[in-house]
Amino acid sequence: MTDDLETDRENAPGFGHAVTDLEALHVWFLREVLPLEAALTQFLRNNWRNRADVADLLQEVYVRVFEAAARQLPKAAKPFVFMTAHNLLIDRVRREKVIPLEVVEDLDALGIAAETPGPDAQSAARDELRRVQAALDELPGRTREAFVLHHIEGLSQREIAQRMRISEKTVSWHLREGVETLADLLYGEPPAKKAKS
């Protein structure tokens, strides 16, 4: 973690003086860093594929910022906090060796070789994608919209309810209906067999 902190400090826009008083550090953190929480949370949500990790990522950013500031306060808190968050996401990607395109624009910058699937695997994946798209197209309009917003765009049920102007209970019903219908369309018995039963 020390290397990560050093990287954050090296890439920061500028550092000020060293902090010797822990109480002053707490005051600085409360005044300069915590007001950035909403924007920082949004940044993490927009740049990390798994929204369930956002709270943990936020806490890790806070720890890195606090520990670095204990050694030396940055001149400008906001750029330092966001640079720390950016570096944390890159560290996570490197550690997991998973490269979501929305996190890393230049894949060569990570130095990780991409494995290209063979022609058979590519063909099978395209066929499976067509099957899923056809099944999604079969969903009723509002159910499809809720399903796409939740499972593809990653919105919470509350966010979907606000966007679609419906209750969270209705969103929950649409999501359950979407999953059941898709499972039936993709993995259930073909309609001809069901009719004979």
Protein backbone atom coordinates (compact mmCIF):
# COMPACT_ATOMS: atom_id res chain seq x y z
CA MET A 1 0.00 0.00 0.00
CA THR A 2 2.97 2.29 0.61
CA ASP A 3 3.88 2.08 -3.09
CA ASP A 4 0.34 3.07 -3.99
CA LEU A 5 0.54 6.08 -1.68
CA GLU A 6 3.85 7.11 -3.15
CA THR A 7 2.36 6.85 -6.65
CA ASP A 8 -0.62 8.97 -5.58
CA ARG A 9 1.69 11.62 -4.13
CA GLU A 10 3.99 11.62 -7.14
CA ASN A 11 1.06 12.08 -9.53
CA ALA A 12 -0.70 14.67 -7.39
CA PRO A 13 -0.91 18.24 -8.64
CA GLY A 14 1.21 19.49 -5.74
CA PHE A 15 1.94 19.02 -2.07
CA GLY A 16 2.06 21.57 0.66
CA HIS A 17 3.49 21.23 4.14
CA ALA A 18 3.86 18.19 6.38
CA VAL A 19 1.16 17.70 9.01
CA THR A 20 2.33 17.19 12.57
CA ASP A 21 -0.97 17.67 14.38
CA LEU A 22 -3.45 14.79 14.03
CA GLU A 23 -6.37 17.03 15.01
CA ALA A 24 -5.44 19.50 12.25
CA LEU A 25 -5.34 16.57 9.81
CA HIS A 26 -8.84 15.52 10.86
CA VAL A 27 -10.12 19.08 10.42
CA TRP A 28 -8.50 19.28 6.97
CA PHE A 29 -10.02 15.93 5.98
CA LEU A 30 -13.51 16.95 7.14
CA ARG A 31 -13.27 20.36 5.45
CA GLU A 32 -11.55 19.45 2.18
CA VAL A 33 -12.16 15.75 1.42
CA LEU A 34 -15.55 14.70 2.80
CA PRO A 35 -17.49 17.38 0.84
CA LEU A 36 -16.24 15.62 -2.33
CA GLU A 37 -18.01 12.37 -1.41
CA ALA A 38 -20.97 12.73 -3.80
CA ALA A 39 -18.78 13.59 -6.78
CA LEU A 40 -16.25 10.91 -5.84
CA THR A 41 -18.98 8.28 -5.51
CA GLN A 42 -20.33 9.24 -8.94
CA PHE A 43 -16.81 9.05 -10.41
CA LEU A 44 -16.33 5.55 -8.97
CA ARG A 45 -19.77 4.41 -10.20
CA ASN A 46 -19.06 5.71 -13.69
CA ASN A 47 -15.64 4.11 -13.89
CA TRP A 48 -16.04 0.74 -12.15
CA ARG A 49 -18.08 -2.12 -13.55
CA ASN A 50 -19.35 -3.55 -10.25
CA ARG A 51 -21.46 -1.05 -8.31
CA ALA A 52 -21.36 -3.30 -5.25
CA ASP A 53 -17.65 -2.40 -4.88
CA VAL A 54 -18.19 1.38 -4.84
CA ALA A 55 -18.53 1.75 -1.05
CA ASP A 56 -15.33 -0.26 -0.49
CA LEU A 57 -13.49 1.70 -3.16
CA LEU A 58 -14.62 4.98 -1.58
CA GLN A 59 -13.28 3.89 1.81
CA GLU A 60 -9.98 2.80 0.27
CA VAL A 61 -9.62 6.19 -1.43
CA TYR A 62 -10.24 7.88 1.94
CA VAL A 63 -7.60 5.71 3.63
CA ARG A 64 -5.02 6.44 0.92
CA VAL A 65 -5.73 10.17 0.98
CA PHE A 66 -5.62 10.35 4.77
CA GLU A 67 -2.37 8.38 5.04
CA ALA A 68 -0.71 10.44 2.32
CA ALA A 69 -1.93 13.71 3.86
CA ALA A 70 -0.55 12.61 7.24
CA ARG A 71 2.89 12.69 5.62
CA GLN A 72 2.29 15.86 3.62
CA LEU A 73 -0.85 17.84 2.82
CA PRO A 74 -1.61 18.27 -0.87
CA LYS A 75 -1.85 21.87 -2.05
CA ALA A 76 -5.22 21.17 -3.70
CA ALA A 77 -7.38 18.45 -2.18
CA LYS A 78 -9.82 17.83 -5.04
CA PRO A 79 -7.31 16.96 -7.80
CA PHE A 80 -5.37 14.83 -5.34
CA VAL A 81 -8.47 12.90 -4.23
CA PHE A 82 -9.56 12.19 -7.80
CA MET A 83 -6.04 11.22 -8.88
CA THR A 84 -5.93 8.83 -5.91
CA ALA A 85 -9.27 7.32 -7.00
CA HIS A 86 -8.03 6.98 -10.58
CA ASN A 87 -4.83 5.25 -9.41
CA LEU A 88 -6.83 2.93 -7.17
CA LEU A 89 -9.01 1.81 -10.08
CA ILE A 90 -5.93 1.16 -12.22
CA ASP A 91 -4.36 -0.83 -9.37
CA ARG A 92 -7.53 -2.92 -9.03
CA VAL A 93 -7.63 -3.61 -12.77
CA ARG A 94 -4.00 -4.68 -12.76
CA ARG A 95 -4.53 -6.88 -9.73
CA GLU A 96 -7.60 -8.58 -11.17
CA LYS A 97 -6.17 -8.73 -14.70
CA VAL A 98 -9.66 -7.81 -15.89
CA ILE A 99 -9.75 -4.90 -18.29
CA PRO A 100 -13.12 -3.14 -18.50
CA LEU A 101 -12.92 -0.74 -21.42
CA GLU A 102 -14.70 2.03 -19.56
CA VAL A 103 -11.92 2.08 -16.93
CA VAL A 104 -8.84 1.94 -19.14
CA GLU A 105 -8.74 3.74 -22.45
CA ASP A 106 -5.26 2.63 -23.48
CA LEU A 107 -4.95 -1.11 -22.95
CA ASP A 108 -1.28 -1.08 -23.95
CA ALA A 109 -0.58 1.21 -20.99
CA LEU A 110 -1.26 -1.66 -18.60
CA GLY A 111 1.21 -4.01 -20.24
CA ILE A 112 -1.24 -6.91 -20.16
CA ALA A 113 -1.45 -9.11 -23.22
CA ALA A 114 -4.98 -9.59 -24.50
CA GLU A 115 -5.91 -13.14 -25.43
CA THR A 116 -7.88 -13.21 -28.65
CA PRO A 117 -10.44 -16.01 -28.85
CA GLY A 118 -10.26 -18.28 -31.86
CA PRO A 119 -12.70 -18.12 -34.79
CA ASP A 120 -14.91 -20.89 -33.36
CA ALA A 121 -15.24 -19.13 -30.01
CA GLN A 122 -15.94 -15.80 -31.73
CA SER A 123 -18.64 -17.39 -33.89
CA ALA A 124 -20.25 -19.11 -30.90
CA ALA A 125 -20.19 -15.86 -28.91
CA ARG A 126 -21.83 -13.95 -31.80
CA ASP A 127 -24.54 -16.62 -32.07
CA GLU A 128 -25.17 -16.50 -28.33
CA LEU A 129 -25.33 -12.70 -28.44
CA ARG A 130 -27.90 -12.87 -31.25
CA ARG A 131 -29.96 -15.34 -29.20
CA VAL A 132 -29.90 -13.08 -26.15
CA GLN A 133 -30.77 -10.01 -28.23
CA ALA A 134 -33.69 -11.84 -29.84
CA ALA A 135 -34.93 -12.91 -26.41
CA LEU A 136 -34.59 -9.34 -25.08
CA ASP A 137 -36.61 -8.11 -28.06
CA GLU A 138 -39.43 -10.48 -27.01
CA LEU A 139 -39.83 -8.81 -23.60
CA PRO A 140 -42.69 -6.34 -23.15
CA GLY A 141 -41.52 -2.72 -23.53
CA ARG A 142 -41.50 -1.57 -19.87
CA THR A 143 -40.08 -4.89 -18.66
CA ARG A 144 -37.32 -4.71 -21.25
CA GLU A 145 -36.54 -1.10 -20.31
CA ALA A 146 -36.26 -1.94 -16.60
CA PHE A 147 -34.18 -5.05 -17.34
CA VAL A 148 -31.73 -3.17 -19.57
CA LEU A 149 -31.40 -0.28 -17.10
CA HIS A 150 -30.64 -2.68 -14.24
CA HIS A 151 -28.64 -5.52 -15.79
CA ILE A 152 -26.86 -3.69 -18.59
CA GLU A 153 -26.55 -0.08 -17.46
CA GLY A 154 -26.18 -1.02 -13.78
CA LEU A 155 -28.81 1.32 -12.29
CA SER A 156 -30.31 0.55 -8.89
CA GLN A 157 -34.03 -0.14 -8.51
CA ARG A 158 -34.48 3.31 -6.98
CA GLU A 159 -32.74 4.98 -9.94
CA ILE A 160 -34.87 2.98 -12.38
CA ALA A 161 -38.05 3.92 -10.53
CA GLN A 162 -37.12 7.59 -10.77
CA ARG A 163 -36.19 7.38 -14.45
CA MET A 164 -39.29 5.37 -15.46
CA ARG A 165 -41.56 7.28 -13.04
CA ILE A 166 -42.90 4.13 -11.42
CA SER A 167 -42.67 2.67 -7.91
CA GLU A 168 -39.74 0.54 -6.78
CA LYS A 169 -42.19 -2.32 -6.24
CA THR A 170 -43.21 -2.10 -9.90
CA VAL A 171 -39.55 -2.03 -10.92
CA SER A 172 -38.97 -5.16 -8.85
CA TRP A 173 -41.91 -6.85 -10.58
CA HIS A 174 -40.59 -5.88 -14.06
CA LEU A 175 -37.11 -7.20 -13.19
CA ARG A 176 -38.46 -10.51 -11.88
CA GLU A 177 -40.74 -10.83 -14.91
CA GLY A 178 -37.81 -10.05 -17.23
CA VAL A 179 -35.53 -12.66 -15.70
CA GLU A 180 -38.24 -15.34 -15.70
CA THR A 181 -39.25 -14.60 -19.30
CA LEU A 182 -35.66 -14.54 -20.53
CA ALA A 183 -34.85 -17.77 -18.71
CA ASP A 184 -37.90 -19.36 -20.28
CA LEU A 185 -37.05 -18.04 -23.75
CA LEU A 186 -33.37 -18.99 -23.57
CA TYR A 187 -33.42 -22.20 -21.54
CA GLY A 188 -37.02 -23.37 -21.38
CA GLU A 189 -38.70 -25.95 -23.55
CA PRO A 190 -39.40 -24.89 -27.14
CA PRO A 191 -43.02 -23.67 -27.68
CA ALA A 192 -43.91 -26.75 -29.80
CA LYS A 193 -43.02 -29.13 -26.94
CA LYS A 194 -44.95 -27.04 -24.40
CA ALA A 195 -48.09 -27.15 -26.54
CA LYS A 196 -48.02 -30.99 -26.56
CA SER A 197 -47.71 -31.22 -22.75
